């Protein structure tokens, strides 16, 4: 199962597709198309993951800020109304 076989002293391709220019061009175009689609999908997935990470970080910051605000609201003394008898 070699790539080449010897015919009359010259190296010749075993597969007919190696000598067929049209098929070779088709295979290159197909390879480039699949590679391009794969790279495009990979880029989109990376972008979505980045957006998810950013959103997650923002939600953590918002949640911690909300907890802090609630805590500080409870910690402040509330005004007390004092009544000294009836008016």
N, C-alpha and C. Protein backbone atom coordinates (compact mmCIF):
# COMPACT_ATOMS: atom_id res chain seq x y z
N UNK A 1 0.82 -1.19 0.00
CA UNK A 1 0.00 0.00 0.00
C UNK A 1 0.86 1.25 0.00
N UNK A 2 1.67 1.41 -1.00
CA UNK A 2 2.49 2.61 -1.09
C UNK A 2 1.76 3.70 -1.83
N UNK A 3 2.32 4.88 -1.75
CA UNK A 3 1.73 5.99 -2.48
C UNK A 3 2.05 5.88 -3.96
N UNK A 4 3.19 5.33 -4.24
CA UNK A 4 3.61 5.21 -5.63
C UNK A 4 3.92 3.76 -5.98
N UNK A 5 3.72 3.43 -7.21
CA UNK A 5 4.14 2.12 -7.71
C UNK A 5 5.07 2.35 -8.89
N UNK A 6 5.92 1.41 -9.13
CA UNK A 6 6.89 1.59 -10.22
C UNK A 6 6.32 0.97 -11.49
N UNK A 7 6.23 1.79 -12.52
CA UNK A 7 5.79 1.31 -13.84
C UNK A 7 6.85 1.70 -14.86
N UNK A 8 7.35 0.77 -15.45
CA UNK A 8 8.37 0.94 -16.49
C UNK A 8 9.49 1.88 -16.06
N UNK A 9 9.93 1.71 -14.81
CA UNK A 9 11.06 2.48 -14.33
C UNK A 9 10.74 3.88 -13.84
N UNK A 10 9.49 4.34 -13.94
CA UNK A 10 9.10 5.67 -13.48
C UNK A 10 8.16 5.55 -12.29
N UNK A 11 8.21 6.54 -11.40
CA UNK A 11 7.27 6.55 -10.28
C UNK A 11 5.95 7.15 -10.76
N UNK A 12 4.88 6.41 -10.53
CA UNK A 12 3.56 6.88 -10.97
C UNK A 12 2.60 6.81 -9.79
N UNK A 13 1.67 7.75 -9.70
CA UNK A 13 0.70 7.72 -8.61
C UNK A 13 -0.20 6.49 -8.69
N UNK A 14 -0.53 5.93 -7.53
CA UNK A 14 -1.39 4.76 -7.49
C UNK A 14 -2.84 5.16 -7.70
N UNK A 15 -3.25 6.28 -7.09
CA UNK A 15 -4.65 6.69 -7.15
C UNK A 15 -4.90 7.56 -8.37
N UNK A 16 -6.03 7.32 -9.01
CA UNK A 16 -6.36 8.12 -10.20
C UNK A 16 -6.63 9.57 -9.82
N UNK A 17 -7.07 9.82 -8.56
CA UNK A 17 -7.37 11.19 -8.16
C UNK A 17 -6.11 12.05 -8.11
N UNK A 18 -4.96 11.42 -7.98
CA UNK A 18 -3.71 12.18 -7.93
C UNK A 18 -3.38 12.79 -9.28
N UNK A 19 -3.89 12.23 -10.36
CA UNK A 19 -3.62 12.77 -11.70
C UNK A 19 -4.80 13.60 -12.22
N UNK A 20 -5.94 13.56 -11.52
CA UNK A 20 -7.13 14.28 -11.97
C UNK A 20 -7.15 15.67 -11.36
N UNK A 21 -6.89 16.70 -12.19
CA UNK A 21 -6.83 18.08 -11.70
C UNK A 21 -8.17 18.57 -11.16
N UNK A 22 -9.25 18.20 -11.85
CA UNK A 22 -10.57 18.68 -11.42
C UNK A 22 -10.92 18.15 -10.04
N UNK A 23 -10.64 16.89 -9.84
CA UNK A 23 -10.94 16.30 -8.54
C UNK A 23 -10.05 16.89 -7.44
N UNK A 24 -8.81 17.15 -7.78
CA UNK A 24 -7.90 17.77 -6.82
C UNK A 24 -8.38 19.15 -6.41
N UNK A 25 -8.82 19.94 -7.39
CA UNK A 25 -9.35 21.27 -7.09
C UNK A 25 -10.60 21.19 -6.23
N UNK A 26 -11.47 20.22 -6.58
CA UNK A 26 -12.68 20.04 -5.78
C UNK A 26 -12.33 19.70 -4.33
N UNK A 27 -11.37 18.80 -4.14
CA UNK A 27 -10.98 18.42 -2.78
C UNK A 27 -10.39 19.60 -2.02
N UNK A 28 -9.56 20.42 -2.70
CA UNK A 28 -9.00 21.60 -2.03
C UNK A 28 -10.11 22.58 -1.63
N UNK A 29 -11.04 22.81 -2.55
CA UNK A 29 -12.15 23.73 -2.25
C UNK A 29 -12.99 23.20 -1.09
N UNK A 30 -13.27 21.91 -1.11
CA UNK A 30 -14.04 21.30 -0.04
C UNK A 30 -13.30 21.44 1.29
N UNK A 31 -12.00 21.15 1.28
CA UNK A 31 -11.18 21.29 2.48
C UNK A 31 -11.20 22.73 3.01
N UNK A 32 -11.02 23.70 2.12
CA UNK A 32 -11.04 25.10 2.53
C UNK A 32 -12.41 25.53 3.04
N UNK A 33 -13.47 25.05 2.42
CA UNK A 33 -14.83 25.37 2.86
C UNK A 33 -15.08 24.83 4.27
N UNK A 34 -14.75 23.57 4.48
CA UNK A 34 -14.96 22.96 5.80
C UNK A 34 -14.10 23.66 6.85
N UNK A 35 -12.86 23.99 6.51
CA UNK A 35 -11.98 24.68 7.44
C UNK A 35 -12.55 26.06 7.78
N UNK A 36 -13.02 26.79 6.77
CA UNK A 36 -13.60 28.11 6.99
C UNK A 36 -14.83 28.06 7.87
N UNK A 37 -15.71 27.10 7.61
CA UNK A 37 -16.92 26.96 8.43
C UNK A 37 -16.54 26.62 9.86
N UNK A 38 -15.59 25.71 10.04
CA UNK A 38 -15.17 25.32 11.38
C UNK A 38 -14.58 26.51 12.14
N UNK A 39 -13.74 27.28 11.47
CA UNK A 39 -13.14 28.44 12.13
C UNK A 39 -14.20 29.48 12.50
N UNK A 40 -15.18 29.67 11.61
CA UNK A 40 -16.26 30.61 11.88
C UNK A 40 -17.08 30.17 13.10
N UNK A 41 -17.43 28.89 13.16
CA UNK A 41 -18.19 28.38 14.30
C UNK A 41 -17.39 28.48 15.59
N UNK A 42 -16.10 28.18 15.50
CA UNK A 42 -15.24 28.28 16.68
C UNK A 42 -15.19 29.72 17.18
N UNK A 43 -15.05 30.67 16.28
CA UNK A 43 -15.01 32.09 16.65
C UNK A 43 -16.32 32.51 17.32
N UNK A 44 -17.45 32.08 16.75
CA UNK A 44 -18.75 32.42 17.34
C UNK A 44 -18.89 31.83 18.73
N UNK A 45 -18.45 30.59 18.91
CA UNK A 45 -18.54 29.96 20.23
C UNK A 45 -17.67 30.69 21.24
N UNK A 46 -16.48 31.14 20.82
CA UNK A 46 -15.61 31.89 21.72
C UNK A 46 -16.26 33.21 22.11
N UNK A 47 -16.91 33.89 21.15
CA UNK A 47 -17.58 35.15 21.43
C UNK A 47 -18.71 34.94 22.44
N UNK A 48 -19.52 33.89 22.24
CA UNK A 48 -20.63 33.61 23.14
C UNK A 48 -20.13 33.29 24.54
N UNK A 49 -19.05 32.53 24.63
CA UNK A 49 -18.48 32.19 25.93
C UNK A 49 -17.98 33.45 26.63
N UNK A 50 -17.39 34.35 25.87
CA UNK A 50 -16.89 35.60 26.44
C UNK A 50 -18.04 36.45 26.96
N UNK A 51 -19.13 36.51 26.20
CA UNK A 51 -20.30 37.27 26.61
C UNK A 51 -20.89 36.66 27.88
N UNK A 52 -20.95 35.31 27.93
CA UNK A 52 -21.48 34.64 29.13
C UNK A 52 -20.63 34.94 30.35
N UNK A 53 -19.29 34.92 30.18
CA UNK A 53 -18.39 35.20 31.31
C UNK A 53 -18.59 36.63 31.80
N UNK A 54 -18.68 37.58 30.87
CA UNK A 54 -18.88 38.99 31.23
C UNK A 54 -20.21 39.15 31.95
N UNK A 55 -21.27 38.54 31.44
CA UNK A 55 -22.59 38.63 32.07
C UNK A 55 -22.55 38.04 33.48
N UNK A 56 -21.87 36.90 33.60
CA UNK A 56 -21.77 36.24 34.90
C UNK A 56 -21.05 37.14 35.90
N UNK A 57 -19.95 37.77 35.48
CA UNK A 57 -19.21 38.67 36.36
C UNK A 57 -20.08 39.85 36.77
N UNK A 58 -20.81 40.42 35.81
CA UNK A 58 -21.68 41.55 36.12
C UNK A 58 -22.77 41.15 37.10
N UNK A 59 -23.31 39.95 36.95
CA UNK A 59 -24.35 39.49 37.87
C UNK A 59 -23.79 39.29 39.28
N UNK A 60 -22.56 38.79 39.38
CA UNK A 60 -21.94 38.61 40.69
C UNK A 60 -21.73 39.96 41.36
N UNK A 61 -21.25 40.94 40.59
CA UNK A 61 -21.04 42.28 41.13
C UNK A 61 -22.37 42.89 41.56
N UNK A 62 -23.40 42.77 40.74
CA UNK A 62 -24.71 43.34 41.05
C UNK A 62 -25.28 42.68 42.31
N UNK A 63 -25.15 41.36 42.41
CA UNK A 63 -25.69 40.64 43.57
C UNK A 63 -24.96 41.06 44.84
N UNK A 64 -23.62 41.16 44.78
CA UNK A 64 -22.87 41.53 45.97
C UNK A 64 -23.18 42.99 46.36
N UNK A 65 -23.38 43.85 45.38
CA UNK A 65 -23.75 45.24 45.67
C UNK A 65 -25.11 45.30 46.34
N UNK A 66 -26.06 44.51 45.84
CA UNK A 66 -27.40 44.47 46.43
C UNK A 66 -27.34 43.97 47.87
N UNK A 67 -26.56 42.93 48.11
CA UNK A 67 -26.42 42.40 49.47
C UNK A 67 -25.80 43.46 50.37
N UNK A 68 -24.79 44.15 49.87
CA UNK A 68 -24.14 45.20 50.66
C UNK A 68 -25.12 46.32 51.00
N UNK A 69 -25.92 46.73 50.01
CA UNK A 69 -26.90 47.80 50.26
C UNK A 69 -27.95 47.38 51.28
N UNK A 70 -28.41 46.14 51.18
CA UNK A 70 -29.39 45.64 52.16
C UNK A 70 -28.79 45.63 53.56
N UNK A 71 -27.55 45.16 53.64
CA UNK A 71 -26.88 45.08 54.93
C UNK A 71 -26.68 46.47 55.53
N UNK A 72 -26.25 47.43 54.72
CA UNK A 72 -26.02 48.78 55.24
C UNK A 72 -27.33 49.47 55.61
N UNK A 73 -28.42 49.13 54.92
CA UNK A 73 -29.72 49.71 55.26
C UNK A 73 -30.20 49.20 56.62
N UNK A 74 -29.92 47.95 56.92
CA UNK A 74 -30.30 47.39 58.21
C UNK A 74 -29.43 47.95 59.34
N UNK A 75 -28.18 48.24 59.03
CA UNK A 75 -27.23 48.66 60.06
C UNK A 75 -27.48 50.10 60.52
N UNK A 76 -28.10 50.93 59.68
CA UNK A 76 -28.34 52.33 60.08
C UNK A 76 -29.49 52.40 61.08
N UNK A 77 -29.32 53.24 62.13
CA UNK A 77 -30.41 53.36 63.11
C UNK A 77 -31.61 54.06 62.50
N UNK A 78 -32.78 53.59 62.84
CA UNK A 78 -34.00 54.19 62.31
C UNK A 78 -34.42 55.33 63.24
N UNK A 79 -34.99 56.37 62.68
CA UNK A 79 -35.43 57.47 63.55
C UNK A 79 -36.54 57.01 64.50
N UNK A 80 -36.43 57.46 65.72
CA UNK A 80 -37.42 57.08 66.73
C UNK A 80 -38.21 58.33 67.10
N UNK A 81 -39.53 58.23 67.09
CA UNK A 81 -40.37 59.36 67.46
C UNK A 81 -40.60 59.30 68.97
N UNK A 82 -40.31 60.37 69.59
CA UNK A 82 -40.52 60.43 71.04
C UNK A 82 -41.75 61.26 71.34
N UNK A 83 -42.64 60.74 72.15
CA UNK A 83 -43.84 61.46 72.54
C UNK A 83 -43.76 61.71 74.05
N UNK A 84 -43.87 62.98 74.42
CA UNK A 84 -43.86 63.35 75.84
C UNK A 84 -45.27 63.81 76.22
N UNK A 85 -46.09 62.89 76.45
CA UNK A 85 -47.44 63.25 76.90
C UNK A 85 -48.34 63.62 75.74
N UNK A 86 -49.54 64.06 76.10
CA UNK A 86 -50.54 64.41 75.08
C UNK A 86 -50.51 65.89 74.81
N UNK A 87 -50.76 66.23 73.61
CA UNK A 87 -50.78 67.64 73.23
C UNK A 87 -52.19 68.11 73.12
